[in-house]
Amino acid sequence: MPFRYFLKMSYDGTAYHGWQVQPNGITVQEVIEQAMSVAFSEKTAVTSAGRTDTGVHAREMFAHFDLPHSLSAEELQKAVYKLNSLLPTDIAVAAVIPVHEEAHARFDALSRTYEYHIVTKKNPFLERYAWYWQGRLDVDVMSRASAHLIGRKDFQCFSKVQTDVNHFMCDVSLAEWHCVDDTLVFTITANRFLRNMVRAVVGTLFDVGRGKLAVEDLPAIIASGDRGRAGSSVPAKGLFLTKINYPYL
């Protein structure tokens, strides 16, 4: 019987073509699995909590994997040290956590939280981690529009057209803006997210903030299910996966 573990990690997504292994570019999953196969002396595959797109960052990501033997507390610590020594500087492992044999990093997640960062003053140190916008944005109006996202709704209007999901229902429990110095941060929490959803949501709220859309337009856009009626997707570099909640962690 295999023993299951969760891998807790973070990464800077700038250099990667997203999380999932693909033939046309290096991905976070590919690099992680290569390091794990060396660390555990056997080919080791991981199943993640989700798939971040090209250029998207993760302050907290989980993935599960199986080993044919159990690891002691000392061996768990050594595994973290060895993995970090094998991984590049833009990927870090925080912990290897024993879980029950049917634990699933994707399907057991209760919620996921993302942040999107917009800087209103040019900052060379945030170039890779925020979208720079010089124009005026009405944050109060953007906040009022965000309230229309709360609840269980069909969010097809914010999803990529070609996607393999069975439905577009998501339950959003938090959607809010706040300012930190010269940075606007949008935080959104939901039980699940569609492909490109957060970047499309931010792009739509951005259009509200600059007066291209009205707060009252949001319910009709959501009800339409039409991606063409929502705003454009904002750049990936400002997006961070920040938190994933599980019932047993």
C-alpha atoms as a PDB file:
ATOM      1  CA  MET A   1       0.000   0.000   0.000  1.00  0.00           C
ATOM      2  CA  PRO A   2       1.488   3.388  -0.991  1.00  0.00           C
ATOM      3  CA  PHE A   3       1.867   6.199   1.522  1.00  0.00           C
ATOM      4  CA  ARG A   4       0.477   9.596   0.515  1.00  0.00           C
ATOM      5  CA  TYR A   5       2.067  12.981   1.194  1.00  0.00           C
ATOM      6  CA  PHE A   6       1.241  16.606   0.505  1.00  0.00           C
ATOM      7  CA  LEU A   7       3.931  18.896  -0.856  1.00  0.00           C
ATOM      8  CA  LYS A   8       3.553  22.519   0.244  1.00  0.00           C
ATOM      9  CA  MET A   9       5.439  24.935  -1.997  1.00  0.00           C
ATOM     10  CA  SER A  10       5.691  28.429  -3.474  1.00  0.00           C
ATOM     11  CA  TYR A  11       7.071  29.739  -6.749  1.00  0.00           C
ATOM     12  CA  ASP A  12       7.755  32.741  -8.921  1.00  0.00           C
ATOM     13  CA  GLY A  13       5.968  31.915 -12.161  1.00  0.00           C
ATOM     14  CA  THR A  14       7.839  34.398 -14.372  1.00  0.00           C
ATOM     15  CA  ALA A  15      10.077  31.838 -16.096  1.00  0.00           C
ATOM     16  CA  TYR A  16       7.462  29.087 -16.465  1.00  0.00           C
ATOM     17  CA  HIS A  17       4.733  28.178 -18.929  1.00  0.00           C
ATOM     18  CA  GLY A  18       2.316  27.619 -16.066  1.00  0.00           C
ATOM     19  CA  TRP A  19       2.029  24.674 -13.716  1.00  0.00           C
ATOM     20  CA  GLN A  20       1.030  21.734 -15.895  1.00  0.00           C
ATOM     21  CA  VAL A  21       3.540  19.749 -17.955  1.00  0.00           C
ATOM     22  CA  GLN A  22       3.317  20.594 -21.649  1.00  0.00           C
ATOM     23  CA  PRO A  23       5.449  19.977 -24.743  1.00  0.00           C
ATOM     24  CA  ASN A  24       6.166  23.584 -25.711  1.00  0.00           C
ATOM     25  CA  GLY A  25       7.846  25.006 -22.612  1.00  0.00           C
ATOM     26  CA  ILE A  26       9.257  24.403 -19.163  1.00  0.00           C
ATOM     27  CA  THR A  27       6.670  24.215 -16.368  1.00  0.00           C
ATOM     28  CA  VAL A  28       6.665  24.199 -12.578  1.00  0.00           C
ATOM     29  CA  GLN A  29       5.299  20.640 -12.445  1.00  0.00           C
ATOM     30  CA  GLU A  30       8.074  19.365 -14.702  1.00  0.00           C
ATOM     31  CA  VAL A  31      10.804  20.914 -12.551  1.00  0.00           C
ATOM     32  CA  ILE A  32       9.193  19.700  -9.309  1.00  0.00           C
ATOM     33  CA  GLU A  33       8.827  16.121 -10.568  1.00  0.00           C
ATOM     34  CA  GLN A  34      12.420  16.012 -11.790  1.00  0.00           C
ATOM     35  CA  ALA A  35      13.684  17.112  -8.375  1.00  0.00           C
ATOM     36  CA  MET A  36      11.440  14.654  -6.542  1.00  0.00           C
ATOM     37  CA  SER A  37      12.538  11.734  -8.700  1.00  0.00           C
ATOM     38  CA  VAL A  38      16.128  12.471  -7.697  1.00  0.00           C
ATOM     39  CA  ALA A  39      15.319  13.106  -4.029  1.00  0.00           C
ATOM     40  CA  PHE A  40      13.327   9.869  -3.634  1.00  0.00           C
ATOM     41  CA  SER A  41      15.426   7.777  -6.068  1.00  0.00           C
ATOM     42  CA  GLU A  42      12.398   6.835  -8.174  1.00  0.00           C
ATOM     43  CA  LYS A  43      10.060   8.477 -10.661  1.00  0.00           C
ATOM     44  CA  THR A  44       7.588  10.514  -8.607  1.00  0.00           C
ATOM     45  CA  ALA A  45       4.509  12.190 -10.092  1.00  0.00           C
ATOM     46  CA  VAL A  46       2.533  14.925  -8.351  1.00  0.00           C
ATOM     47  CA  THR A  47      -1.123  15.987  -8.550  1.00  0.00           C
ATOM     48  CA  SER A  48      -1.620  19.670  -7.777  1.00  0.00           C
ATOM     49  CA  ALA A  49      -4.460  21.646  -6.227  1.00  0.00           C
ATOM     50  CA  GLY A  50      -4.870  23.492  -9.515  1.00  0.00           C
ATOM     51  CA  ARG A  51      -3.153  24.791 -12.630  1.00  0.00           C
ATOM     52  CA  THR A  52      -1.721  28.275 -12.670  1.00  0.00           C
ATOM     53  CA  ASP A  53      -1.236  29.873 -16.092  1.00  0.00           C
ATOM     54  CA  THR A  54       1.965  31.117 -17.689  1.00  0.00           C
ATOM     55  CA  GLY A  55       3.569  33.837 -15.556  1.00  0.00           C
ATOM     56  CA  VAL A  56       1.247  33.425 -12.565  1.00  0.00           C
ATOM     57  CA  HIS A  57       2.868  33.129  -9.124  1.00  0.00           C
ATOM     58  CA  ALA A  58       1.982  31.029  -6.080  1.00  0.00           C
ATOM     59  CA  ARG A  59       2.705  31.959  -2.482  1.00  0.00           C
ATOM     60  CA  GLU A  60       1.031  28.706  -1.462  1.00  0.00           C
ATOM     61  CA  MET A  61       0.476  25.658  -3.646  1.00  0.00           C
ATOM     62  CA  PHE A  62      -0.170  22.055  -2.639  1.00  0.00           C
ATOM     63  CA  ALA A  63       0.299  18.818  -4.548  1.00  0.00           C
ATOM     64  CA  HIS A  64       0.017  15.200  -3.457  1.00  0.00           C
ATOM     65  CA  PHE A  65       2.269  12.257  -4.280  1.00  0.00           C
ATOM     66  CA  ASP A  66       2.733   8.637  -3.234  1.00  0.00           C
ATOM     67  CA  LEU A  67       5.743   6.706  -1.960  1.00  0.00           C
ATOM     68  CA  PRO A  68       6.017   2.948  -1.378  1.00  0.00           C
ATOM     69  CA  HIS A  69       7.315   3.543   2.163  1.00  0.00           C
ATOM     70  CA  SER A  70       6.588   5.866   5.068  1.00  0.00           C
ATOM     71  CA  LEU A  71       8.865   8.722   6.103  1.00  0.00           C
ATOM     72  CA  SER A  72       9.826   9.503   9.689  1.00  0.00           C
ATOM     73  CA  ALA A  73       9.730  13.062  11.039  1.00  0.00           C
ATOM     74  CA  GLU A  74      13.481  13.326  10.492  1.00  0.00           C
ATOM     75  CA  GLU A  75      13.173  11.995   6.943  1.00  0.00           C
ATOM     76  CA  LEU A  76      10.435  14.534   6.182  1.00  0.00           C
ATOM     77  CA  GLN A  77      12.740  17.376   7.202  1.00  0.00           C
ATOM     78  CA  LYS A  78      15.583  15.916   5.161  1.00  0.00           C
ATOM     79  CA  ALA A  79      13.282  15.608   2.140  1.00  0.00           C
ATOM     80  CA  VAL A  80      12.457  19.326   2.324  1.00  0.00           C
ATOM     81  CA  TYR A  81      16.151  20.204   2.557  1.00  0.00           C
ATOM     82  CA  LYS A  82      17.120  17.942  -0.338  1.00  0.00           C
ATOM     83  CA  LEU A  83      14.304  19.135  -2.591  1.00  0.00           C
ATOM     84  CA  ASN A  84      15.235  22.776  -2.009  1.00  0.00           C
ATOM     85  CA  SER A  85      18.867  22.020  -2.803  1.00  0.00           C
ATOM     86  CA  LEU A  86      17.793  20.471  -6.121  1.00  0.00           C
ATOM     87  CA  LEU A  87      15.219  23.091  -7.118  1.00  0.00           C
ATOM     88  CA  PRO A  88      16.017  26.450  -8.747  1.00  0.00           C
ATOM     89  CA  THR A  89      15.815  29.594  -6.643  1.00  0.00           C
ATOM     90  CA  ASP A  90      12.356  30.515  -7.962  1.00  0.00           C
ATOM     91  CA  ILE A  91      10.689  27.398  -6.487  1.00  0.00           C
ATOM     92  CA  ALA A  92      10.696  26.604  -2.754  1.00  0.00           C
ATOM     93  CA  VAL A  93       9.313  23.651  -0.780  1.00  0.00           C
ATOM     94  CA  ALA A  94       7.959  24.577   2.670  1.00  0.00           C
ATOM     95  CA  ALA A  95       6.914  21.135   3.920  1.00  0.00           C
ATOM     96  CA  VAL A  96       6.277  17.484   3.107  1.00  0.00           C
ATOM     97  CA  ILE A  97       3.171  16.470   5.048  1.00  0.00           C
ATOM     98  CA  PRO A  98       1.840  12.935   5.690  1.00  0.00           C
ATOM     99  CA  VAL A  99      -1.882  12.652   4.874  1.00  0.00           C
ATOM    100  CA  HIS A 100      -4.414   9.822   4.694  1.00  0.00           C
ATOM    101  CA  GLU A 101      -4.235   7.507   1.690  1.00  0.00           C
ATOM    102  CA  GLU A 102      -7.244   9.002  -0.116  1.00  0.00           C
ATOM    103  CA  ALA A 103      -6.342  12.662   0.447  1.00  0.00           C
ATOM    104  CA  HIS A 104      -6.496  14.630  -2.809  1.00  0.00           C
ATOM    105  CA  ALA A 105      -4.815  18.000  -3.336  1.00  0.00           C
ATOM    106  CA  ARG A 106      -7.360  19.157  -5.903  1.00  0.00           C
ATOM    107  CA  PHE A 107     -10.690  17.633  -4.924  1.00  0.00           C
ATOM    108  CA  ASP A 108     -10.341  18.040  -1.151  1.00  0.00           C
ATOM    109  CA  ALA A 109      -9.596  21.777  -1.271  1.00  0.00           C
ATOM    110  CA  LEU A 110     -12.401  23.734   0.406  1.00  0.00           C
ATOM    111  CA  SER A 111     -11.390  27.103  -1.030  1.00  0.00           C
ATOM    112  CA  ARG A 112      -8.668  28.933  -2.898  1.00  0.00           C
ATOM    113  CA  THR A 113      -7.633  32.577  -2.579  1.00  0.00           C
ATOM    114  CA  TYR A 114      -5.964  34.751  -5.195  1.00  0.00           C
ATOM    115  CA  GLU A 115      -4.579  38.266  -5.101  1.00  0.00           C
ATOM    116  CA  TYR A 116      -4.048  40.629  -8.019  1.00  0.00           C
ATOM    117  CA  HIS A 117      -1.640  43.561  -7.654  1.00  0.00           C
ATOM    118  CA  ILE A 118      -1.802  46.850  -9.570  1.00  0.00           C
ATOM    119  CA  VAL A 119       0.838  49.533  -8.937  1.00  0.00           C
ATOM    120  CA  THR A 120      -0.034  53.178  -9.570  1.00  0.00           C
ATOM    121  CA  LYS A 121       3.541  54.446  -9.251  1.00  0.00           C
ATOM    122  CA  LYS A 122       6.361  53.013 -11.350  1.00  0.00           C
ATOM    123  CA  ASN A 123       8.485  50.659  -9.251  1.00  0.00           C
ATOM    124  CA  PRO A 124      11.342  48.664 -10.840  1.00  0.00           C
ATOM    125  CA  PHE A 125      11.321  46.212  -7.933  1.00  0.00           C
ATOM    126  CA  LEU A 126       7.723  45.215  -8.622  1.00  0.00           C
ATOM    127  CA  GLU A 127       8.003  44.950 -12.399  1.00  0.00           C
ATOM    128  CA  ARG A 128       7.716  41.140 -12.291  1.00  0.00           C
ATOM    129  CA  TYR A 129       4.985  41.037  -9.639  1.00  0.00           C
ATOM    130  CA  ALA A 130       2.448  43.774 -10.416  1.00  0.00           C
ATOM    131  CA  TRP A 131       0.748  45.499 -13.331  1.00  0.00           C
ATOM    132  CA  TYR A 132       1.670  49.159 -13.652  1.00  0.00           C
ATOM    133  CA  TRP A 133      -1.208  51.517 -14.506  1.00  0.00           C
ATOM    134  CA  GLN A 134      -0.737  55.291 -14.655  1.00  0.00           C
ATOM    135  CA  GLY A 135      -4.353  56.366 -15.115  1.00  0.00           C
ATOM    136  CA  ARG A 136      -6.951  57.183 -12.497  1.00  0.00           C
ATOM    137  CA  LEU A 137      -8.977  54.344 -10.971  1.00  0.00           C
ATOM    138  CA  ASP A 138     -12.008  54.791  -8.701  1.00  0.00           C
ATOM    139  CA  VAL A 139     -11.372  52.122  -6.083  1.00  0.00           C
ATOM    140  CA  ASP A 140     -14.641  52.803  -4.236  1.00  0.00           C
ATOM    141  CA  VAL A 141     -16.625  52.085  -7.394  1.00  0.00           C
ATOM    142  CA  MET A 142     -14.530  48.963  -8.073  1.00  0.00           C
ATOM    143  CA  SER A 143     -15.272  47.766  -4.547  1.00  0.00           C
ATOM    144  CA  ARG A 144     -19.013  48.242  -5.016  1.00  0.00           C
ATOM    145  CA  ALA A 145     -18.871  46.315  -8.280  1.00  0.00           C
ATOM    146  CA  SER A 146     -16.980  43.485  -6.550  1.00  0.00           C
ATOM    147  CA  ALA A 147     -19.981  42.856  -4.306  1.00  0.00           C
ATOM    148  CA  HIS A 148     -21.877  41.512  -7.337  1.00  0.00           C
ATOM    149  CA  LEU A 149     -19.417  38.594  -7.493  1.00  0.00           C
ATOM    150  CA  ILE A 150     -20.358  37.190  -4.088  1.00  0.00           C
ATOM    151  CA  GLY A 151     -22.387  33.997  -4.031  1.00  0.00           C
ATOM    152  CA  ARG A 152     -22.830  30.819  -6.050  1.00  0.00           C
ATOM    153  CA  LYS A 153     -23.158  31.844  -9.695  1.00  0.00           C
ATOM    154  CA  ASP A 154     -22.420  30.811 -13.264  1.00  0.00           C
ATOM    155  CA  PHE A 155     -19.211  32.660 -14.172  1.00  0.00           C
ATOM    156  CA  GLN A 156     -18.886  31.525 -17.780  1.00  0.00           C
ATOM    157  CA  CYS A 157     -18.481  35.158 -18.856  1.00  0.00           C
ATOM    158  CA  PHE A 158     -15.075  35.191 -17.110  1.00  0.00           C
ATOM    159  CA  SER A 159     -13.855  31.832 -18.441  1.00  0.00           C
ATOM    160  CA  LYS A 160     -11.765  30.944 -21.464  1.00  0.00           C
ATOM    161  CA  VAL A 161     -14.007  29.660 -24.230  1.00  0.00           C
ATOM    162  CA  GLN A 162     -12.125  26.409 -24.797  1.00  0.00           C
ATOM    163  CA  THR A 163     -12.079  24.606 -21.459  1.00  0.00           C
ATOM    164  CA  ASP A 164     -12.778  21.062 -20.296  1.00  0.00           C
ATOM    165  CA  VAL A 165     -14.983  21.831 -17.271  1.00  0.00           C
ATOM    166  CA  ASN A 166     -18.455  20.298 -16.869  1.00  0.00           C
ATOM    167  CA  HIS A 167     -20.004  23.494 -15.510  1.00  0.00           C
ATOM    168  CA  PHE A 168     -19.165  27.119 -14.760  1.00  0.00           C
ATOM    169  CA  MET A 169     -20.634  27.404 -11.257  1.00  0.00           C
ATOM    170  CA  CYS A 170     -18.358  28.890  -8.592  1.00  0.00           C
ATOM    171  CA  ASP A 171     -19.117  29.952  -5.039  1.00  0.00           C
ATOM    172  CA  VAL A 172     -17.313  33.225  -4.325  1.00  0.00           C
ATOM    173  CA  SER A 173     -17.109  34.081  -0.615  1.00  0.00           C
ATOM    174  CA  LEU A 174     -14.782  37.107  -0.733  1.00  0.00           C
ATOM    175  CA  ALA A 175     -14.078  39.779  -3.358  1.00  0.00           C
ATOM    176  CA  GLU A 176     -12.553  43.047  -2.193  1.00  0.00           C
ATOM    177  CA  TRP A 177     -10.031  45.775  -2.992  1.00  0.00           C
ATOM    178  CA  HIS A 178      -7.654  47.473  -0.611  1.00  0.00           C
ATOM    179  CA  CYS A 179      -4.701  49.846  -0.955  1.00  0.00           C
ATOM    180  CA  VAL A 180      -1.189  49.218   0.364  1.00  0.00           C
ATOM    181  CA  ASP A 181       0.997  52.290  -0.261  1.00  0.00           C
ATOM    182  CA  ASP A 182       1.049  52.674  -4.064  1.00  0.00           C
ATOM    183  CA  THR A 183      -0.399  49.207  -4.722  1.00  0.00           C
ATOM    184  CA  LEU A 184      -4.035  48.234  -5.263  1.00  0.00           C
ATOM    185  CA  VAL A 185      -4.684  44.630  -4.210  1.00  0.00           C
ATOM    186  CA  PHE A 186      -7.745  42.658  -5.234  1.00  0.00           C
ATOM    187  CA  THR A 187      -8.447  39.557  -3.121  1.00  0.00           C
ATOM    188  CA  ILE A 188     -10.913  36.870  -4.167  1.00  0.00           C
ATOM    189  CA  THR A 189     -11.799  33.550  -2.506  1.00  0.00           C
ATOM    190  CA  ALA A 190     -13.948  30.788  -3.999  1.00  0.00           C
ATOM    191  CA  ASN A 191     -14.435  27.050  -3.830  1.00  0.00           C
ATOM    192  CA  ARG A 192     -13.076  26.784  -7.393  1.00  0.00           C
ATOM    193  CA  PHE A 193     -11.921  28.981 -10.257  1.00  0.00           C
ATOM    194  CA  LEU A 194     -12.304  28.690 -14.009  1.00  0.00           C
ATOM    195  CA  ARG A 195      -9.454  29.081 -16.487  1.00  0.00           C
ATOM    196  CA  ASN A 196      -8.415  32.733 -16.698  1.00  0.00           C
ATOM    197  CA  MET A 197     -11.275  33.693 -14.360  1.00  0.00           C
ATOM    198  CA  VAL A 198      -9.438  35.974 -11.929  1.00  0.00           C
ATOM    199  CA  ARG A 199      -7.626  37.924 -14.644  1.00  0.00           C
ATOM    200  CA  ALA A 200     -10.922  38.416 -16.515  1.00  0.00           C
ATOM    201  CA  VAL A 201     -12.698  39.502 -13.311  1.00  0.00           C
ATOM    202  CA  VAL A 202      -9.964  42.049 -12.561  1.00  0.00           C
ATOM    203  CA  GLY A 203     -10.063  43.305 -16.150  1.00  0.00           C
ATOM    204  CA  THR A 204     -13.810  43.867 -15.851  1.00  0.00           C
ATOM    205  CA  LEU A 205     -13.510  45.641 -12.502  1.00  0.00           C
ATOM    206  CA  PHE A 206     -10.688  47.709 -13.986  1.00  0.00           C
ATOM    207  CA  ASP A 207     -13.100  48.861 -16.717  1.00  0.00           C
ATOM    208  CA  VAL A 208     -15.528  49.872 -13.964  1.00  0.00           C
ATOM    209  CA  GLY A 209     -12.788  51.773 -12.140  1.00  0.00           C
ATOM    210  CA  ARG A 210     -11.886  53.823 -15.203  1.00  0.00           C
ATOM    211  CA  GLY A 211     -15.513  54.520 -16.124  1.00  0.00           C
ATOM    212  CA  LYS A 212     -15.845  52.269 -19.147  1.00  0.00           C
ATOM    213  CA  LEU A 213     -18.452  50.121 -17.353  1.00  0.00           C
ATOM    214  CA  ALA A 214     -20.925  50.950 -14.596  1.00  0.00           C
ATOM    215  CA  VAL A 215     -21.377  49.064 -11.335  1.00  0.00           C
ATOM    216  CA  GLU A 216     -24.902  48.202 -12.474  1.00  0.00           C
ATOM    217  CA  ASP A 217     -23.521  46.460 -15.581  1.00  0.00           C
ATOM    218  CA  LEU A 218     -21.982  43.586 -13.583  1.00  0.00           C
ATOM    219  CA  PRO A 219     -25.159  41.514 -12.943  1.00  0.00           C
ATOM    220  CA  ALA A 220     -26.104  41.608 -16.633  1.00  0.00           C
ATOM    221  CA  ILE A 221     -22.578  40.669 -17.733  1.00  0.00           C
ATOM    222  CA  ILE A 222     -22.529  37.700 -15.349  1.00  0.00           C
ATOM    223  CA  ALA A 223     -26.030  36.591 -16.372  1.00  0.00           C
ATOM    224  CA  SER A 224     -25.128  36.736 -20.066  1.00  0.00           C
ATOM    225  CA  GLY A 225     -22.431  34.056 -19.867  1.00  0.00           C
ATOM    226  CA  ASP A 226     -20.774  35.938 -22.750  1.00  0.00           C
ATOM    227  CA  ARG A 227     -16.991  36.325 -22.466  1.00  0.00           C
ATOM    228  CA  GLY A 228     -17.180  39.130 -25.019  1.00  0.00           C
ATOM    229  CA  ARG A 229     -19.197  41.351 -22.668  1.00  0.00           C
ATOM    230  CA  ALA A 230     -16.668  41.139 -19.814  1.00  0.00           C
ATOM    231  CA  GLY A 231     -13.383  43.051 -19.716  1.00  0.00           C
ATOM    232  CA  SER A 232     -10.069  41.977 -21.185  1.00  0.00           C
ATOM    233  CA  SER A 233      -7.738  39.777 -19.148  1.00  0.00           C
ATOM    234  CA  VAL A 234      -5.103  41.701 -17.220  1.00  0.00           C
ATOM    235  CA  PRO A 235      -1.415  40.629 -17.399  1.00  0.00           C
ATOM    236  CA  ALA A 236      -0.497  37.407 -15.581  1.00  0.00           C
ATOM    237  CA  LYS A 237       2.450  38.853 -13.650  1.00  0.00           C
ATOM    238  CA  GLY A 238       0.217  40.575 -11.085  1.00  0.00           C
ATOM    239  CA  LEU A 239      -1.611  37.385 -10.078  1.00  0.00           C
ATOM    240  CA  PHE A 240      -0.762  35.302  -7.002  1.00  0.00           C
ATOM    241  CA  LEU A 241      -2.325  32.136  -5.621  1.00  0.00           C
ATOM    242  CA  THR A 242      -2.045  32.896  -1.915  1.00  0.00           C
ATOM    243  CA  LYS A 243      -4.041  30.328   0.084  1.00  0.00           C
ATOM    244  CA  ILE A 244      -5.632  26.891  -0.216  1.00  0.00           C
ATOM    245  CA  ASN A 245      -7.766  25.521   2.610  1.00  0.00           C
ATOM    246  CA  TYR A 246      -8.217  21.822   3.447  1.00  0.00           C
ATOM    247  CA  PRO A 247     -10.365  20.197   6.135  1.00  0.00           C
ATOM    248  CA  TYR A 248      -7.412  18.273   7.567  1.00  0.00           C
ATOM    249  CA  LEU A 249      -4.550  20.808   7.398  1.00  0.00           C
END
